[in-house]
Structure formats: structure tokens, C-alpha cells
Amino acid sequence: TEADEGHPFGHKRAEPIAGLIVAVLAGI
């Protein structure tokens, strides 16, 4: 998604957040 006023440098951190969710699920 293109950068916007709330996220001036884009949304590149979305993928690592998903990775953390997967890691927690893997532990369970």
C-alpha cells in the first residue's frame, strides 16, 4: 500500500507483524 499521511514511509512493517503471529501459533 502506498505511503499516506499516517504512514509516511509506507507499510513495510506489516509483514514482520504477521511473522510474529505465526511464530506464536507455531509455539502453541
PDB file of all heavy atoms in Angstrom:
ATOM      1  N   THR A   1       0.840  -1.195   0.000  1.00  0.00           N
ATOM      2  CA  THR A   1       0.000   0.000   0.000  1.00  0.00           C
ATOM      3  C   THR A   1       0.876   1.247   0.000  1.00  0.00           C
ATOM      4  O   THR A   1       1.906   1.305   0.676  1.00  0.00           O
ATOM      5  CB  THR A   1      -0.907   0.022   1.247  1.00  0.00           C
ATOM      6  OG1 THR A   1      -1.667  -1.187   1.287  1.00  0.00           O
ATOM      7  CG2 THR A   1      -1.843   1.222   1.219  1.00  0.00           C
ATOM      8  N   GLU A   2       0.487   2.237  -0.755  1.00  0.00           N
ATOM      9  CA  GLU A   2       1.263   3.466  -0.845  1.00  0.00           C
ATOM     10  C   GLU A   2       1.319   4.184   0.509  1.00  0.00           C
ATOM     11  O   GLU A   2       0.431   4.038   1.342  1.00  0.00           O
ATOM     12  CB  GLU A   2       0.648   4.407  -1.889  1.00  0.00           C
ATOM     13  CG  GLU A   2       0.715   3.878  -3.326  1.00  0.00           C
ATOM     14  CD  GLU A   2       2.145   3.781  -3.834  1.00  0.00           C
ATOM     15  OE1 GLU A   2       2.983   4.588  -3.390  1.00  0.00           O
ATOM     16  OE2 GLU A   2       2.417   2.885  -4.647  1.00  0.00           O
ATOM     17  N   ALA A   3       2.397   4.950   0.699  1.00  0.00           N
ATOM     18  CA  ALA A   3       2.532   5.760   1.912  1.00  0.00           C
ATOM     19  C   ALA A   3       1.382   6.765   2.003  1.00  0.00           C
ATOM     20  O   ALA A   3       0.868   7.237   0.991  1.00  0.00           O
ATOM     21  CB  ALA A   3       3.866   6.491   1.900  1.00  0.00           C
ATOM     22  N   ASP A   4       0.949   7.039   3.230  1.00  0.00           N
ATOM     23  CA  ASP A   4      -0.109   8.023   3.435  1.00  0.00           C
ATOM     24  C   ASP A   4       0.286   8.953   4.568  1.00  0.00           C
ATOM     25  O   ASP A   4       1.396   8.878   5.110  1.00  0.00           O
ATOM     26  CB  ASP A   4      -1.449   7.331   3.716  1.00  0.00           C
ATOM     27  CG  ASP A   4      -1.347   6.308   4.850  1.00  0.00           C
ATOM     28  OD1 ASP A   4      -0.612   6.580   5.828  1.00  0.00           O
ATOM     29  OD2 ASP A   4      -2.012   5.255   4.774  1.00  0.00           O
ATOM     30  N   GLU A   5      -0.631   9.823   4.960  1.00  0.00           N
ATOM     31  CA  GLU A   5      -0.317  10.817   5.991  1.00  0.00           C
ATOM     32  C   GLU A   5       0.026  10.158   7.321  1.00  0.00           C
ATOM     33  O   GLU A   5       0.910  10.605   8.046  1.00  0.00           O
ATOM     34  CB  GLU A   5      -1.512  11.765   6.168  1.00  0.00           C
ATOM     35  CG  GLU A   5      -1.235  12.914   7.142  1.00  0.00           C
ATOM     36  CD  GLU A   5      -2.398  13.884   7.238  1.00  0.00           C
ATOM     37  OE1 GLU A   5      -3.328  13.782   6.398  1.00  0.00           O
ATOM     38  OE2 GLU A   5      -2.376  14.741   8.129  1.00  0.00           O
ATOM     39  N   GLY A   6      -0.657   9.079   7.636  1.00  0.00           N
ATOM     40  CA  GLY A   6      -0.397   8.393   8.901  1.00  0.00           C
ATOM     41  C   GLY A   6       0.815   7.490   8.862  1.00  0.00           C
ATOM     42  O   GLY A   6       1.380   7.154   9.901  1.00  0.00           O
ATOM     43  N   HIS A   7       1.218   7.070   7.652  1.00  0.00           N
ATOM     44  CA  HIS A   7       2.377   6.186   7.485  1.00  0.00           C
ATOM     45  C   HIS A   7       3.240   6.740   6.352  1.00  0.00           C
ATOM     46  O   HIS A   7       3.230   6.226   5.236  1.00  0.00           O
ATOM     47  CB  HIS A   7       1.936   4.754   7.161  1.00  0.00           C
ATOM     48  CG  HIS A   7       0.978   4.190   8.168  1.00  0.00           C
ATOM     49  ND1 HIS A   7      -0.386   4.394   8.091  1.00  0.00           N
ATOM     50  CD2 HIS A   7       1.190   3.433   9.279  1.00  0.00           C
ATOM     51  CE1 HIS A   7      -0.978   3.787   9.106  1.00  0.00           C
ATOM     52  NE2 HIS A   7      -0.049   3.200   9.845  1.00  0.00           N
ATOM     53  N   PRO A   8       3.998   7.801   6.631  1.00  0.00           N
ATOM     54  CA  PRO A   8       4.737   8.497   5.573  1.00  0.00           C
ATOM     55  C   PRO A   8       5.824   7.664   4.906  1.00  0.00           C
ATOM     56  O   PRO A   8       6.253   7.986   3.800  1.00  0.00           O
ATOM     57  CB  PRO A   8       5.349   9.703   6.304  1.00  0.00           C
ATOM     58  CG  PRO A   8       5.385   9.306   7.747  1.00  0.00           C
ATOM     59  CD  PRO A   8       4.188   8.430   7.948  1.00  0.00           C
ATOM     60  N   PHE A   9       6.284   6.600   5.558  1.00  0.00           N
ATOM     61  CA  PHE A   9       7.298   5.753   4.958  1.00  0.00           C
ATOM     62  C   PHE A   9       6.719   4.406   4.520  1.00  0.00           C
ATOM     63  O   PHE A   9       7.438   3.414   4.387  1.00  0.00           O
ATOM     64  CB  PHE A   9       8.466   5.532   5.927  1.00  0.00           C
ATOM     65  CG  PHE A   9       9.249   6.791   6.189  1.00  0.00           C
ATOM     66  CD1 PHE A   9       9.141   7.456   7.395  1.00  0.00           C
ATOM     67  CD2 PHE A   9      10.075   7.316   5.211  1.00  0.00           C
ATOM     68  CE1 PHE A   9       9.847   8.621   7.633  1.00  0.00           C
ATOM     69  CE2 PHE A   9      10.794   8.477   5.437  1.00  0.00           C
ATOM     70  CZ  PHE A   9      10.677   9.141   6.650  1.00  0.00           C
ATOM     71  N   GLY A  10       5.414   4.360   4.317  1.00  0.00           N
ATOM     72  CA  GLY A  10       4.782   3.154   3.823  1.00  0.00           C
ATOM     73  C   GLY A  10       4.370   2.195   4.936  1.00  0.00           C
ATOM     74  O   GLY A  10       4.338   2.545   6.115  1.00  0.00           O
ATOM     75  N   HIS A  11       4.058   0.968   4.539  1.00  0.00           N
ATOM     76  CA  HIS A  11       3.514  -0.042   5.458  1.00  0.00           C
ATOM     77  C   HIS A  11       4.361  -1.309   5.466  1.00  0.00           C
ATOM     78  O   HIS A  11       3.857  -2.423   5.643  1.00  0.00           O
ATOM     79  CB  HIS A  11       2.072  -0.394   5.051  1.00  0.00           C
ATOM     80  CG  HIS A  11       1.153   0.784   5.010  1.00  0.00           C
ATOM     81  ND1 HIS A  11       1.167   1.705   3.978  1.00  0.00           N
ATOM     82  CD2 HIS A  11       0.189   1.194   5.873  1.00  0.00           C
ATOM     83  CE1 HIS A  11       0.249   2.634   4.208  1.00  0.00           C
ATOM     84  NE2 HIS A  11      -0.355   2.351   5.340  1.00  0.00           N
ATOM     85  N   LYS A  12       5.662  -1.149   5.312  1.00  0.00           N
ATOM     86  CA  LYS A  12       6.565  -2.303   5.170  1.00  0.00           C
ATOM     87  C   LYS A  12       6.631  -3.170   6.429  1.00  0.00           C
ATOM     88  O   LYS A  12       7.041  -4.322   6.369  1.00  0.00           O
ATOM     89  CB  LYS A  12       7.966  -1.820   4.811  1.00  0.00           C
ATOM     90  CG  LYS A  12       8.061  -1.098   3.475  1.00  0.00           C
ATOM     91  CD  LYS A  12       7.724  -2.017   2.321  1.00  0.00           C
ATOM     92  CE  LYS A  12       8.000  -1.388   0.973  1.00  0.00           C
ATOM     93  NZ  LYS A  12       7.188  -0.209   0.689  1.00  0.00           N
ATOM     94  N   ARG A  13       6.253  -2.612   7.595  1.00  0.00           N
ATOM     95  CA  ARG A  13       6.336  -3.407   8.827  1.00  0.00           C
ATOM     96  C   ARG A  13       5.168  -4.390   8.973  1.00  0.00           C
ATOM     97  O   ARG A  13       5.101  -5.127   9.954  1.00  0.00           O
ATOM     98  CB  ARG A  13       6.386  -2.478  10.047  1.00  0.00           C
ATOM     99  CG  ARG A  13       7.740  -1.790  10.234  1.00  0.00           C
ATOM    100  CD  ARG A  13       7.813  -1.078  11.574  1.00  0.00           C
ATOM    101  NE  ARG A  13       9.154  -0.596  11.852  1.00  0.00           N
ATOM    102  CZ  ARG A  13       9.611   0.615  11.558  1.00  0.00           C
ATOM    103  NH1 ARG A  13       8.814   1.465  10.929  1.00  0.00           N
ATOM    104  NH2 ARG A  13      10.841   0.970  11.850  1.00  0.00           N
ATOM    105  N   ALA A  14       4.247  -4.404   8.023  1.00  0.00           N
ATOM    106  CA  ALA A  14       3.103  -5.313   8.115  1.00  0.00           C
ATOM    107  C   ALA A  14       3.547  -6.773   8.067  1.00  0.00           C
ATOM    108  O   ALA A  14       3.020  -7.622   8.792  1.00  0.00           O
ATOM    109  CB  ALA A  14       2.111  -5.028   6.981  1.00  0.00           C
ATOM    110  N   GLU A  15       4.531  -7.084   7.225  1.00  0.00           N
ATOM    111  CA  GLU A  15       4.961  -8.474   7.092  1.00  0.00           C
ATOM    112  C   GLU A  15       5.592  -9.033   8.378  1.00  0.00           C
ATOM    113  O   GLU A  15       5.276 -10.154   8.777  1.00  0.00           O
ATOM    114  CB  GLU A  15       5.917  -8.610   5.910  1.00  0.00           C
ATOM    115  CG  GLU A  15       5.226  -8.396   4.563  1.00  0.00           C
ATOM    116  CD  GLU A  15       6.141  -8.678   3.384  1.00  0.00           C
ATOM    117  OE1 GLU A  15       7.055  -9.502   3.526  1.00  0.00           O
ATOM    118  OE2 GLU A  15       5.924  -8.064   2.317  1.00  0.00           O
ATOM    119  N   PRO A  16       6.473  -8.297   9.066  1.00  0.00           N
ATOM    120  CA  PRO A  16       7.020  -8.832  10.322  1.00  0.00           C
ATOM    121  C   PRO A  16       5.964  -9.056  11.401  1.00  0.00           C
ATOM    122  O   PRO A  16       6.095  -9.978  12.208  1.00  0.00           O
ATOM    123  CB  PRO A  16       8.025  -7.749  10.756  1.00  0.00           C
ATOM    124  CG  PRO A  16       8.412  -7.076   9.505  1.00  0.00           C
ATOM    125  CD  PRO A  16       7.197  -7.082   8.644  1.00  0.00           C
ATOM    126  N   ILE A  17       4.924  -8.234  11.447  1.00  0.00           N
ATOM    127  CA  ILE A  17       3.855  -8.435  12.430  1.00  0.00           C
ATOM    128  C   ILE A  17       3.181  -9.787  12.188  1.00  0.00           C
ATOM    129  O   ILE A  17       2.919 -10.555  13.127  1.00  0.00           O
ATOM    130  CB  ILE A  17       2.823  -7.282  12.354  1.00  0.00           C
ATOM    131  CG1 ILE A  17       3.463  -5.980  12.841  1.00  0.00           C
ATOM    132  CG2 ILE A  17       1.592  -7.616  13.184  1.00  0.00           C
ATOM    133  CD1 ILE A  17       2.590  -4.764  12.656  1.00  0.00           C
ATOM    134  N   ALA A  18       2.933 -10.094  10.934  1.00  0.00           N
ATOM    135  CA  ALA A  18       2.340 -11.394  10.605  1.00  0.00           C
ATOM    136  C   ALA A  18       3.291 -12.525  10.988  1.00  0.00           C
ATOM    137  O   ALA A  18       2.862 -13.571  11.476  1.00  0.00           O
ATOM    138  CB  ALA A  18       2.030 -11.455   9.112  1.00  0.00           C
ATOM    139  N   GLY A  19       4.581 -12.310  10.790  1.00  0.00           N
ATOM    140  CA  GLY A  19       5.562 -13.323  11.154  1.00  0.00           C
ATOM    141  C   GLY A  19       5.537 -13.638  12.635  1.00  0.00           C
ATOM    142  O   GLY A  19       5.673 -14.802  13.039  1.00  0.00           O
ATOM    143  N   LEU A  20       5.360 -12.632  13.477  1.00  0.00           N
ATOM    144  CA  LEU A  20       5.293 -12.853  14.918  1.00  0.00           C
ATOM    145  C   LEU A  20       4.050 -13.657  15.300  1.00  0.00           C
ATOM    146  O   LEU A  20       4.100 -14.519  16.179  1.00  0.00           O
ATOM    147  CB  LEU A  20       5.296 -11.508  15.657  1.00  0.00           C
ATOM    148  CG  LEU A  20       6.626 -10.760  15.684  1.00  0.00           C
ATOM    149  CD1 LEU A  20       6.466  -9.427  16.410  1.00  0.00           C
ATOM    150  CD2 LEU A  20       7.699 -11.595  16.361  1.00  0.00           C
ATOM    151  N   ILE A  21       2.946 -13.371  14.642  1.00  0.00           N
ATOM    152  CA  ILE A  21       1.716 -14.123  14.902  1.00  0.00           C
ATOM    153  C   ILE A  21       1.923 -15.603  14.568  1.00  0.00           C
ATOM    154  O   ILE A  21       1.535 -16.500  15.325  1.00  0.00           O
ATOM    155  CB  ILE A  21       0.543 -13.542  14.079  1.00  0.00           C
ATOM    156  CG1 ILE A  21       0.222 -12.125  14.553  1.00  0.00           C
ATOM    157  CG2 ILE A  21      -0.686 -14.438  14.195  1.00  0.00           C
ATOM    158  CD1 ILE A  21      -0.788 -11.402  13.685  1.00  0.00           C
ATOM    159  N   VAL A  22       2.549 -15.862  13.434  1.00  0.00           N
ATOM    160  CA  VAL A  22       2.821 -17.238  13.019  1.00  0.00           C
ATOM    161  C   VAL A  22       3.762 -17.919  14.011  1.00  0.00           C
ATOM    162  O   VAL A  22       3.594 -19.097  14.345  1.00  0.00           O
ATOM    163  CB  VAL A  22       3.428 -17.249  11.603  1.00  0.00           C
ATOM    164  CG1 VAL A  22       3.904 -18.644  11.235  1.00  0.00           C
ATOM    165  CG2 VAL A  22       2.399 -16.768  10.587  1.00  0.00           C
ATOM    166  N   ALA A  23       4.766 -17.187  14.511  1.00  0.00           N
ATOM    167  CA  ALA A  23       5.721 -17.766  15.460  1.00  0.00           C
ATOM    168  C   ALA A  23       5.030 -18.186  16.755  1.00  0.00           C
ATOM    169  O   ALA A  23       5.307 -19.261  17.301  1.00  0.00           O
ATOM    170  CB  ALA A  23       6.832 -16.754  15.757  1.00  0.00           C
ATOM    171  N   VAL A  24       4.131 -17.343  17.255  1.00  0.00           N
ATOM    172  CA  VAL A  24       3.397 -17.683  18.479  1.00  0.00           C
ATOM    173  C   VAL A  24       2.521 -18.914  18.251  1.00  0.00           C
ATOM    174  O   VAL A  24       2.473 -19.831  19.084  1.00  0.00           O
ATOM    175  CB  VAL A  24       2.535 -16.486  18.937  1.00  0.00           C
ATOM    176  CG1 VAL A  24       1.616 -16.892  20.080  1.00  0.00           C
ATOM    177  CG2 VAL A  24       3.430 -15.329  19.378  1.00  0.00           C
ATOM    178  N   LEU A  25       1.839 -18.942  17.119  1.00  0.00           N
ATOM    179  CA  LEU A  25       0.980 -20.084  16.792  1.00  0.00           C
ATOM    180  C   LEU A  25       1.812 -21.368  16.673  1.00  0.00           C
ATOM    181  O   LEU A  25       1.393 -22.436  17.131  1.00  0.00           O
ATOM    182  CB  LEU A  25       0.235 -19.821  15.483  1.00  0.00           C
ATOM    183  CG  LEU A  25      -0.717 -20.922  14.997  1.00  0.00           C
ATOM    184  CD1 LEU A  25      -1.777 -21.205  16.038  1.00  0.00           C
ATOM    185  CD2 LEU A  25      -1.349 -20.534  13.674  1.00  0.00           C
ATOM    186  N   ALA A  26       2.995 -21.250  16.099  1.00  0.00           N
ATOM    187  CA  ALA A  26       3.870 -22.414  15.960  1.00  0.00           C
ATOM    188  C   ALA A  26       4.278 -22.956  17.329  1.00  0.00           C
ATOM    189  O   ALA A  26       4.348 -24.170  17.542  1.00  0.00           O
ATOM    190  CB  ALA A  26       5.120 -22.046  15.150  1.00  0.00           C
ATOM    191  N   GLY A  27       4.537 -22.053  18.279  1.00  0.00           N
ATOM    192  CA  GLY A  27       4.904 -22.492  19.623  1.00  0.00           C
ATOM    193  C   GLY A  27       3.777 -23.268  20.299  1.00  0.00           C
ATOM    194  O   GLY A  27       4.019 -24.311  20.932  1.00  0.00           O
ATOM    195  N   ILE A  28       2.554 -22.779  20.160  1.00  0.00           N
ATOM    196  CA  ILE A  28       1.405 -23.461  20.761  1.00  0.00           C
ATOM    197  C   ILE A  28       1.196 -24.833  20.137  1.00  0.00           C
ATOM    198  O   ILE A  28       1.017 -25.846  20.828  1.00  0.00           O
ATOM    199  CB  ILE A  28       0.135 -22.596  20.600  1.00  0.00           C
ATOM    200  CG1 ILE A  28       0.288 -21.280  21.386  1.00  0.00           C
ATOM    201  CG2 ILE A  28      -1.103 -23.357  21.059  1.00  0.00           C
ATOM    202  CD1 ILE A  28      -0.824 -20.292  21.131  1.00  0.00           C
TER     203      ILE A  28
END
